[in-house]
Amino acid sequence: MGYPRILLNGDSAVCVEFGNEISVEVNNKVSGFQKIIGEEVNAGRLKGIVETIPAFCSLMICYDPEVIWYEELEACLRSLLDRDLSVIAGGTRRLVEIPVCYGGELGPDLKDVAEYAGITEEEVIKLHSGRDYLIYMMGFLPGFAYLGGLDPRLEVPRLSSPRPKIPSGSVGIGGKQTGIYPLDSPGGWRLIGKTPVRPFRLRRKSPLLYQTGDYIRFIPVSRGEYEQIKRDLSIGMYKCRISEVEVL
């Protein structure tokens, strides 16, 4: 069966799959279709939609079967899938800049990553902070973003024995992915740095600092700058820089 395809997920959700690979092209279709669904709901042309949940290659659509039957929803989704989803997903997206202090006690695995890659620690930092990362999806923990775009030279295997507790704010690399641990949790990624910023805070007006479809850029800071940002955050005097970037 080709893509896209619509699959049942229980009695109140369907999953629309756009492929079976992690790529910007496939994820743009996911983002484009989510945008279309939102527009249809806001215009009142599609009723009964409870929530849409994007993933790497698919979009789950949760619905109320007392408002819209599956057959009706499926027919509507198929008609919407005829549109050019990649074009719809274009335009501008948010770019969130995250300060990171690399190495030392805040990034205990930076040396190991450098040795594995056959480069210096400074080169690891330059490579890691030298590109923007697309947030493909959110999951695992509140505020945990699955990022795409890691330089292949930084791909390292996960730890053979995961740590029982990784401090929130830790920035790590695991396989082909990099990301921020938003809460204290176990984990097997190699830690190369830490940010004083908290991606998830329940009492914040917007609990999540970023969302699927945004981009993240890591900004290297010194230990002194890290501590100053941490103090500023505690009194509400620091905000991450967020800008709009054009997406092809």
C-alpha atoms as a PDB file:
ATOM      1  CA  MET A   1       0.000   0.000   0.000  1.00  0.00           C
ATOM      2  CA  GLY A   2       1.311   3.437  -0.915  1.00  0.00           C
ATOM      3  CA  TYR A   3       1.403   6.671   1.071  1.00  0.00           C
ATOM      4  CA  PRO A   4      -0.382   8.534   2.430  1.00  0.00           C
ATOM      5  CA  ARG A   5      -2.544   5.952   4.128  1.00  0.00           C
ATOM      6  CA  ILE A   6      -5.180   6.142   6.853  1.00  0.00           C
ATOM      7  CA  LEU A   7      -5.074   3.596   9.677  1.00  0.00           C
ATOM      8  CA  LEU A   8      -7.515   3.024  12.518  1.00  0.00           C
ATOM      9  CA  ASN A   9      -6.268   3.661  16.061  1.00  0.00           C
ATOM     10  CA  GLY A  10      -9.007   2.303  18.301  1.00  0.00           C
ATOM     11  CA  ASP A  11     -12.546   3.673  18.227  1.00  0.00           C
ATOM     12  CA  SER A  12     -11.747   7.386  18.446  1.00  0.00           C
ATOM     13  CA  ALA A  13      -8.538   8.042  16.526  1.00  0.00           C
ATOM     14  CA  VAL A  14      -6.984   7.557  13.107  1.00  0.00           C
ATOM     15  CA  CYS A  15      -3.373   7.788  12.042  1.00  0.00           C
ATOM     16  CA  VAL A  16      -2.436   9.269   8.681  1.00  0.00           C
ATOM     17  CA  GLU A  17       0.978   7.972   7.587  1.00  0.00           C
ATOM     18  CA  PHE A  18       3.046   9.830   4.988  1.00  0.00           C
ATOM     19  CA  GLY A  19       6.057   7.506   4.765  1.00  0.00           C
ATOM     20  CA  ASN A  20       8.386   5.295   6.764  1.00  0.00           C
ATOM     21  CA  GLU A  21      11.539   7.409   6.930  1.00  0.00           C
ATOM     22  CA  ILE A  22      12.713  10.342   9.024  1.00  0.00           C
ATOM     23  CA  SER A  23      13.136  13.232   6.608  1.00  0.00           C
ATOM     24  CA  VAL A  24      12.279  16.906   6.307  1.00  0.00           C
ATOM     25  CA  GLU A  25      10.213  16.181   3.202  1.00  0.00           C
ATOM     26  CA  VAL A  26       7.995  13.626   4.922  1.00  0.00           C
ATOM     27  CA  ASN A  27       7.704  15.696   8.095  1.00  0.00           C
ATOM     28  CA  ASN A  28       6.680  18.748   6.055  1.00  0.00           C
ATOM     29  CA  LYS A  29       3.707  16.736   4.822  1.00  0.00           C
ATOM     30  CA  VAL A  30       2.804  15.936   8.434  1.00  0.00           C
ATOM     31  CA  SER A  31       3.035  19.627   9.371  1.00  0.00           C
ATOM     32  CA  GLY A  32       1.124  20.698   6.288  1.00  0.00           C
ATOM     33  CA  PHE A  33      -1.708  18.280   6.945  1.00  0.00           C
ATOM     34  CA  GLN A  34      -1.942  19.296  10.598  1.00  0.00           C
ATOM     35  CA  LYS A  35      -2.244  22.911   9.452  1.00  0.00           C
ATOM     36  CA  ILE A  36      -5.018  21.983   7.032  1.00  0.00           C
ATOM     37  CA  ILE A  37      -6.928  20.110   9.746  1.00  0.00           C
ATOM     38  CA  GLY A  38      -6.632  23.130  12.035  1.00  0.00           C
ATOM     39  CA  GLU A  39      -7.945  25.469   9.343  1.00  0.00           C
ATOM     40  CA  GLU A  40     -10.896  23.191   8.611  1.00  0.00           C
ATOM     41  CA  VAL A  41     -11.763  22.946  12.309  1.00  0.00           C
ATOM     42  CA  ASN A  42     -11.471  26.701  12.872  1.00  0.00           C
ATOM     43  CA  ALA A  43     -13.673  27.395   9.845  1.00  0.00           C
ATOM     44  CA  GLY A  44     -16.325  25.008  11.149  1.00  0.00           C
ATOM     45  CA  ARG A  45     -16.061  22.719   8.131  1.00  0.00           C
ATOM     46  CA  LEU A  46     -14.744  19.787  10.172  1.00  0.00           C
ATOM     47  CA  LYS A  47     -16.379  18.985  13.488  1.00  0.00           C
ATOM     48  CA  GLY A  48     -15.632  16.464  16.197  1.00  0.00           C
ATOM     49  CA  ILE A  49     -11.832  16.766  16.135  1.00  0.00           C
ATOM     50  CA  VAL A  50     -10.450  16.578  19.666  1.00  0.00           C
ATOM     51  CA  GLU A  51      -6.702  16.730  19.078  1.00  0.00           C
ATOM     52  CA  THR A  52      -3.992  16.213  16.462  1.00  0.00           C
ATOM     53  CA  ILE A  53      -0.650  14.679  17.446  1.00  0.00           C
ATOM     54  CA  PRO A  54       2.248  14.923  14.962  1.00  0.00           C
ATOM     55  CA  ALA A  55       5.095  12.400  14.851  1.00  0.00           C
ATOM     56  CA  PHE A  56       8.098  11.846  12.561  1.00  0.00           C
ATOM     57  CA  CYS A  57       6.108  10.423   9.654  1.00  0.00           C
ATOM     58  CA  SER A  58       2.478  10.507  10.721  1.00  0.00           C
ATOM     59  CA  LEU A  59      -0.345  12.549  12.202  1.00  0.00           C
ATOM     60  CA  MET A  60      -2.737  11.047  14.729  1.00  0.00           C
ATOM     61  CA  ILE A  61      -6.190  12.591  14.666  1.00  0.00           C
ATOM     62  CA  CYS A  62      -8.329  12.035  17.754  1.00  0.00           C
ATOM     63  CA  TYR A  63     -12.051  12.561  17.234  1.00  0.00           C
ATOM     64  CA  ASP A  64     -15.377  12.245  18.998  1.00  0.00           C
ATOM     65  CA  PRO A  65     -17.346   9.391  17.358  1.00  0.00           C
ATOM     66  CA  GLU A  66     -20.578  10.852  18.750  1.00  0.00           C
ATOM     67  CA  VAL A  67     -20.006  13.951  16.614  1.00  0.00           C
ATOM     68  CA  ILE A  68     -18.452  12.462  13.478  1.00  0.00           C
ATOM     69  CA  TRP A  69     -18.435   8.841  12.325  1.00  0.00           C
ATOM     70  CA  TYR A  70     -15.271   7.209  11.081  1.00  0.00           C
ATOM     71  CA  GLU A  71     -16.582   6.803   7.527  1.00  0.00           C
ATOM     72  CA  GLU A  72     -17.407  10.506   7.351  1.00  0.00           C
ATOM     73  CA  LEU A  73     -14.034  11.502   8.782  1.00  0.00           C
ATOM     74  CA  GLU A  74     -12.135   9.190   6.434  1.00  0.00           C
ATOM     75  CA  ALA A  75     -13.888  10.638   3.383  1.00  0.00           C
ATOM     76  CA  CYS A  76     -13.091  14.156   4.537  1.00  0.00           C
ATOM     77  CA  LEU A  77      -9.426  13.345   5.199  1.00  0.00           C
ATOM     78  CA  ARG A  78      -9.000  11.737   1.786  1.00  0.00           C
ATOM     79  CA  SER A  79     -10.339  14.827   0.071  1.00  0.00           C
ATOM     80  CA  LEU A  80      -7.941  17.052   2.054  1.00  0.00           C
ATOM     81  CA  LEU A  81      -4.961  14.835   1.200  1.00  0.00           C
ATOM     82  CA  ASP A  82      -5.242  15.914  -2.441  1.00  0.00           C
ATOM     83  CA  ARG A  83      -3.691  19.292  -1.589  1.00  0.00           C
ATOM     84  CA  ASP A  84       0.038  20.113  -1.872  1.00  0.00           C
ATOM     85  CA  LEU A  85       1.052  19.581   1.742  1.00  0.00           C
ATOM     86  CA  SER A  86       4.711  20.562   1.388  1.00  0.00           C
ATOM     87  CA  VAL A  87       3.790  24.021   0.081  1.00  0.00           C
ATOM     88  CA  ILE A  88       1.297  24.517   2.914  1.00  0.00           C
ATOM     89  CA  ALA A  89       3.971  23.613   5.484  1.00  0.00           C
ATOM     90  CA  GLY A  90       6.315  26.312   4.129  1.00  0.00           C
ATOM     91  CA  GLY A  91       6.470  29.966   5.096  1.00  0.00           C
ATOM     92  CA  THR A  92       7.948  31.029   8.425  1.00  0.00           C
ATOM     93  CA  ARG A  93       8.650  29.039  11.563  1.00  0.00           C
ATOM     94  CA  ARG A  94       9.935  29.945  14.989  1.00  0.00           C
ATOM     95  CA  LEU A  95      13.629  29.663  15.830  1.00  0.00           C
ATOM     96  CA  VAL A  96      14.331  29.284  19.553  1.00  0.00           C
ATOM     97  CA  GLU A  97      17.876  29.998  20.737  1.00  0.00           C
ATOM     98  CA  ILE A  98      19.000  27.842  23.683  1.00  0.00           C
ATOM     99  CA  PRO A  99      22.138  28.828  25.668  1.00  0.00           C
ATOM    100  CA  VAL A 100      24.368  25.824  26.453  1.00  0.00           C
ATOM    101  CA  CYS A 101      27.489  25.512  28.578  1.00  0.00           C
ATOM    102  CA  TYR A 102      29.487  22.677  27.046  1.00  0.00           C
ATOM    103  CA  GLY A 103      31.884  20.305  28.791  1.00  0.00           C
ATOM    104  CA  GLY A 104      33.154  20.099  32.351  1.00  0.00           C
ATOM    105  CA  GLU A 105      30.827  18.752  34.996  1.00  0.00           C
ATOM    106  CA  LEU A 106      27.861  19.999  32.955  1.00  0.00           C
ATOM    107  CA  GLY A 107      28.904  17.931  29.920  1.00  0.00           C
ATOM    108  CA  PRO A 108      30.787  14.928  31.282  1.00  0.00           C
ATOM    109  CA  ASP A 109      30.729  12.982  27.992  1.00  0.00           C
ATOM    110  CA  LEU A 110      32.044  15.747  25.724  1.00  0.00           C
ATOM    111  CA  LYS A 111      35.557  14.283  25.803  1.00  0.00           C
ATOM    112  CA  ASP A 112      34.287  10.803  24.907  1.00  0.00           C
ATOM    113  CA  VAL A 113      32.237  12.170  21.997  1.00  0.00           C
ATOM    114  CA  ALA A 114      35.292  14.021  20.688  1.00  0.00           C
ATOM    115  CA  GLU A 115      37.463  10.916  20.936  1.00  0.00           C
ATOM    116  CA  TYR A 116      34.848   8.755  19.237  1.00  0.00           C
ATOM    117  CA  ALA A 117      34.507  11.276  16.409  1.00  0.00           C
ATOM    118  CA  GLY A 118      38.274  11.745  16.116  1.00  0.00           C
ATOM    119  CA  ILE A 119      38.071  15.518  16.586  1.00  0.00           C
ATOM    120  CA  THR A 120      38.698  18.028  19.369  1.00  0.00           C
ATOM    121  CA  GLU A 121      36.178  19.048  22.005  1.00  0.00           C
ATOM    122  CA  GLU A 122      36.126  22.552  20.502  1.00  0.00           C
ATOM    123  CA  GLU A 123      35.211  21.061  17.123  1.00  0.00           C
ATOM    124  CA  VAL A 124      32.372  19.075  18.702  1.00  0.00           C
ATOM    125  CA  ILE A 125      30.983  22.283  20.182  1.00  0.00           C
ATOM    126  CA  LYS A 126      31.358  24.113  16.871  1.00  0.00           C
ATOM    127  CA  LEU A 127      29.619  21.347  14.927  1.00  0.00           C
ATOM    128  CA  HIS A 128      26.834  20.908  17.458  1.00  0.00           C
ATOM    129  CA  SER A 129      26.043  24.616  17.728  1.00  0.00           C
ATOM    130  CA  GLY A 130      26.642  25.382  14.066  1.00  0.00           C
ATOM    131  CA  ARG A 131      23.265  24.358  12.675  1.00  0.00           C
ATOM    132  CA  ASP A 132      19.555  24.708  13.336  1.00  0.00           C
ATOM    133  CA  TYR A 133      17.565  21.645  14.393  1.00  0.00           C
ATOM    134  CA  LEU A 134      14.012  20.950  13.306  1.00  0.00           C
ATOM    135  CA  ILE A 135      11.685  19.663  16.024  1.00  0.00           C
ATOM    136  CA  TYR A 136      10.126  16.641  14.355  1.00  0.00           C
ATOM    137  CA  MET A 137       7.961  15.641  17.306  1.00  0.00           C
ATOM    138  CA  MET A 138       7.527  15.899  21.070  1.00  0.00           C
ATOM    139  CA  GLY A 139       7.413  12.912  23.404  1.00  0.00           C
ATOM    140  CA  PHE A 140       9.038  10.694  26.035  1.00  0.00           C
ATOM    141  CA  LEU A 141       8.806  13.516  28.614  1.00  0.00           C
ATOM    142  CA  PRO A 142       6.886  16.821  28.655  1.00  0.00           C
ATOM    143  CA  GLY A 143       9.013  19.224  26.640  1.00  0.00           C
ATOM    144  CA  PHE A 144      11.336  16.586  25.179  1.00  0.00           C
ATOM    145  CA  ALA A 145      11.934  17.490  21.535  1.00  0.00           C
ATOM    146  CA  TYR A 146      13.113  14.984  18.949  1.00  0.00           C
ATOM    147  CA  LEU A 147      15.485  17.006  16.789  1.00  0.00           C
ATOM    148  CA  GLY A 148      16.642  16.400  13.249  1.00  0.00           C
ATOM    149  CA  GLY A 149      19.790  17.674  11.600  1.00  0.00           C
ATOM    150  CA  LEU A 150      22.672  16.387  13.736  1.00  0.00           C
ATOM    151  CA  ASP A 151      25.996  16.470  11.887  1.00  0.00           C
ATOM    152  CA  PRO A 152      26.855  12.837  10.954  1.00  0.00           C
ATOM    153  CA  ARG A 153      30.326  13.308  12.451  1.00  0.00           C
ATOM    154  CA  LEU A 154      28.706  13.597  15.884  1.00  0.00           C
ATOM    155  CA  GLU A 155      26.719  10.380  15.696  1.00  0.00           C
ATOM    156  CA  VAL A 156      27.811   8.279  18.678  1.00  0.00           C
ATOM    157  CA  PRO A 157      26.252   5.199  20.278  1.00  0.00           C
ATOM    158  CA  ARG A 158      24.253   5.508  23.460  1.00  0.00           C
ATOM    159  CA  LEU A 159      25.837   4.535  26.754  1.00  0.00           C
ATOM    160  CA  SER A 160      25.966   0.780  27.354  1.00  0.00           C
ATOM    161  CA  SER A 161      24.564   1.390  30.852  1.00  0.00           C
ATOM    162  CA  PRO A 162      22.050   4.262  31.077  1.00  0.00           C
ATOM    163  CA  ARG A 163      22.383   6.732  33.932  1.00  0.00           C
ATOM    164  CA  PRO A 164      19.647   6.343  36.576  1.00  0.00           C
ATOM    165  CA  LYS A 165      19.221  10.130  36.788  1.00  0.00           C
ATOM    166  CA  ILE A 166      20.130  12.832  34.294  1.00  0.00           C
ATOM    167  CA  PRO A 167      19.650  16.422  35.525  1.00  0.00           C
ATOM    168  CA  SER A 168      17.065  18.537  33.751  1.00  0.00           C
ATOM    169  CA  GLY A 169      18.572  20.850  31.179  1.00  0.00           C
ATOM    170  CA  SER A 170      21.246  18.356  30.136  1.00  0.00           C
ATOM    171  CA  VAL A 171      22.026  18.340  26.416  1.00  0.00           C
ATOM    172  CA  GLY A 172      22.946  14.966  24.988  1.00  0.00           C
ATOM    173  CA  ILE A 173      23.627  12.956  21.861  1.00  0.00           C
ATOM    174  CA  GLY A 174      22.301   9.466  21.225  1.00  0.00           C
ATOM    175  CA  GLY A 175      22.851   7.839  17.856  1.00  0.00           C
ATOM    176  CA  LYS A 176      21.676  10.223  15.146  1.00  0.00           C
ATOM    177  CA  GLN A 177      19.786  12.468  17.534  1.00  0.00           C
ATOM    178  CA  THR A 178      20.471  15.265  19.968  1.00  0.00           C
ATOM    179  CA  GLY A 179      18.177  16.900  22.487  1.00  0.00           C
ATOM    180  CA  ILE A 180      17.531  18.433  25.888  1.00  0.00           C
ATOM    181  CA  TYR A 181      16.330  16.526  28.929  1.00  0.00           C
ATOM    182  CA  PRO A 182      13.496  18.771  30.196  1.00  0.00           C
ATOM    183  CA  LEU A 183      13.124  16.955  33.530  1.00  0.00           C
ATOM    184  CA  ASP A 184      15.286  14.802  35.776  1.00  0.00           C
ATOM    185  CA  SER A 185      15.050  11.303  34.336  1.00  0.00           C
ATOM    186  CA  PRO A 186      17.004   8.155  33.496  1.00  0.00           C
ATOM    187  CA  GLY A 187      18.718   8.199  30.125  1.00  0.00           C
ATOM    188  CA  GLY A 188      21.434   6.696  27.981  1.00  0.00           C
ATOM    189  CA  TRP A 189      22.466   9.630  25.814  1.00  0.00           C
ATOM    190  CA  ARG A 190      25.973  11.065  26.067  1.00  0.00           C
ATOM    191  CA  LEU A 191      25.890  14.407  27.854  1.00  0.00           C
ATOM    192  CA  ILE A 192      27.897  17.180  26.210  1.00  0.00           C
ATOM    193  CA  GLY A 193      26.516  20.242  27.987  1.00  0.00           C
ATOM    194  CA  LYS A 194      23.686  21.806  29.913  1.00  0.00           C
ATOM    195  CA  THR A 195      21.293  24.701  29.542  1.00  0.00           C
ATOM    196  CA  PRO A 196      19.924  26.740  32.466  1.00  0.00           C
ATOM    197  CA  VAL A 197      16.682  27.141  30.496  1.00  0.00           C
ATOM    198  CA  ARG A 198      13.797  24.827  31.334  1.00  0.00           C
ATOM    199  CA  PRO A 199      11.900  23.621  28.244  1.00  0.00           C
ATOM    200  CA  PHE A 200       8.931  22.643  30.420  1.00  0.00           C
ATOM    201  CA  ARG A 201       7.547  24.499  33.419  1.00  0.00           C
ATOM    202  CA  LEU A 202       4.014  23.722  34.512  1.00  0.00           C
ATOM    203  CA  ARG A 203       3.427  27.119  36.123  1.00  0.00           C
ATOM    204  CA  ARG A 204       4.611  29.075  33.095  1.00  0.00           C
ATOM    205  CA  LYS A 205       1.901  30.746  30.989  1.00  0.00           C
ATOM    206  CA  SER A 206       2.984  28.548  28.090  1.00  0.00           C
ATOM    207  CA  PRO A 207       4.378  25.410  29.792  1.00  0.00           C
ATOM    208  CA  LEU A 208       6.262  24.327  26.658  1.00  0.00           C
ATOM    209  CA  LEU A 209       9.036  26.620  25.440  1.00  0.00           C
ATOM    210  CA  TYR A 210       8.831  25.241  21.906  1.00  0.00           C
ATOM    211  CA  GLN A 211       6.669  22.932  19.839  1.00  0.00           C
ATOM    212  CA  THR A 212       6.708  20.603  16.856  1.00  0.00           C
ATOM    213  CA  GLY A 213       7.744  22.448  13.711  1.00  0.00           C
ATOM    214  CA  ASP A 214       9.936  24.989  15.505  1.00  0.00           C
ATOM    215  CA  TYR A 215      13.693  25.104  15.089  1.00  0.00           C
ATOM    216  CA  ILE A 216      16.269  25.095  17.891  1.00  0.00           C
ATOM    217  CA  ARG A 217      19.685  26.715  17.764  1.00  0.00           C
ATOM    218  CA  PHE A 218      22.218  25.984  20.532  1.00  0.00           C
ATOM    219  CA  ILE A 219      24.253  29.013  21.634  1.00  0.00           C
ATOM    220  CA  PRO A 220      27.557  28.232  23.449  1.00  0.00           C
ATOM    221  CA  VAL A 221      28.014  30.185  26.694  1.00  0.00           C
ATOM    222  CA  SER A 222      30.747  30.199  29.339  1.00  0.00           C
ATOM    223  CA  ARG A 223      30.239  28.816  32.834  1.00  0.00           C
ATOM    224  CA  GLY A 224      29.989  32.355  34.141  1.00  0.00           C
ATOM    225  CA  GLU A 225      27.323  33.240  31.575  1.00  0.00           C
ATOM    226  CA  TYR A 226      25.491  30.021  32.427  1.00  0.00           C
ATOM    227  CA  GLU A 227      25.347  30.960  36.113  1.00  0.00           C
ATOM    228  CA  GLN A 228      24.228  34.500  35.316  1.00  0.00           C
ATOM    229  CA  ILE A 229      21.413  33.271  33.074  1.00  0.00           C
ATOM    230  CA  LYS A 230      20.399  30.861  35.820  1.00  0.00           C
ATOM    231  CA  ARG A 231      20.166  33.761  38.304  1.00  0.00           C
ATOM    232  CA  ASP A 232      18.266  35.914  35.827  1.00  0.00           C
ATOM    233  CA  LEU A 233      15.800  33.101  35.194  1.00  0.00           C
ATOM    234  CA  SER A 234      15.106  32.761  38.922  1.00  0.00           C
ATOM    235  CA  ILE A 235      13.867  36.375  39.046  1.00  0.00           C
ATOM    236  CA  GLY A 236      12.140  36.380  35.679  1.00  0.00           C
ATOM    237  CA  MET A 237      14.752  38.540  33.961  1.00  0.00           C
ATOM    238  CA  TYR A 238      15.770  36.217  31.146  1.00  0.00           C
ATOM    239  CA  LYS A 239      13.935  35.052  28.054  1.00  0.00           C
ATOM    240  CA  CYS A 240      15.237  32.934  25.209  1.00  0.00           C
ATOM    241  CA  ARG A 241      15.544  34.792  21.940  1.00  0.00           C
ATOM    242  CA  ILE A 242      12.813  33.662  19.556  1.00  0.00           C
ATOM    243  CA  SER A 243      12.696  34.799  15.949  1.00  0.00           C
ATOM    244  CA  GLU A 244      10.949  33.887  12.708  1.00  0.00           C
ATOM    245  CA  VAL A 245      12.839  32.140   9.898  1.00  0.00           C
ATOM    246  CA  GLU A 246      11.832  31.389   6.345  1.00  0.00           C
ATOM    247  CA  VAL A 247      11.370  27.720   5.492  1.00  0.00           C
ATOM    248  CA  LEU A 248      11.542  26.444   1.926  1.00  0.00           C
END
